């Protein structure tokens, strides 16, 4: 098991920290001494996760804060409250996500749910929190992507899947490619502007969490699974291992700017963390810059003159 280096004194925000890889990352970062903000859509679930972590690490410094990444007003409110406290932010872990709802659904702002929640929400949150991040000595932004990013395509003529027939996994793949492209462009911005910030990405391989059932069950009366989990022939792993690429990117001193970390075992779905090469689509600098500009226009969130 990956041993998280000492994080004493660091402030870290983890989105989607009430379950799955987010909760595991929060647990181990807190156990290593970090002050962790559990950024969750449902505070009651966040409090339950907090209690679970405290049972293992009684001295952990944990706070539960509400943020709905599918509602830009909630994202801005969360960031404003954290900014008002004025404490430099050492790491933002963009982990939360939804996978393959059975039908096209939309965010509070009218965006397709996966593109809007998985990408645009985290984009706006990151830009809002950049001043706090850049106030820290060695800040990091870590964005959770997926191996499905390799199958994604940024359809700039229809990012919201309004014209084409909705396909849950194809739309999910686009959102995960957007996550990876965002991380790559933020790394390029940091280099160009001379920021001390590291922008990194991770993916969990095939990790058994509620991600595969929560999205597929949206709008249905009973819990169901996505086709991906029903295949049954692919190697998979527990969340303790699946969260390690995210933890490595967040805490390890050996990471590289723009690094993409994931399992290095069979089919890149399981195993110990390794540095991977992003899919060629995520290395398209022109497309990445275009996605950033489109995201600014859609969210109305732009880099402050202060950064």
Foldseek 3Di string as FASTA:
>chain_A
DDQFAAPAPAEEEFEPCLWFLNVLLLLRNQVSHYQYEYEYQDQVSVVVSVVVSCVVVVPGHYHYDYAQLLDLVRLLVVLVVVVVVVAAHAEYELEDFAAFAPAFDHGPLGAGRRLRRLALSVLQNCLSNVVSPLVDPAHEYEHEAAPLLLVEDCPVVCLRCPPPHDGGSRNNNNNRVLRLLLLQQVLVVCVVVVGSYAREYEYLAAEDICNQFPRHCPPHPDTDGDVVVVVPPDDYYYSNQSSVQSSCRRGPPPDDGSWYKAADDDVSRGHHIDTDDDRVVSVPNVVSVVSSVVSCVSSVRDHDPVD
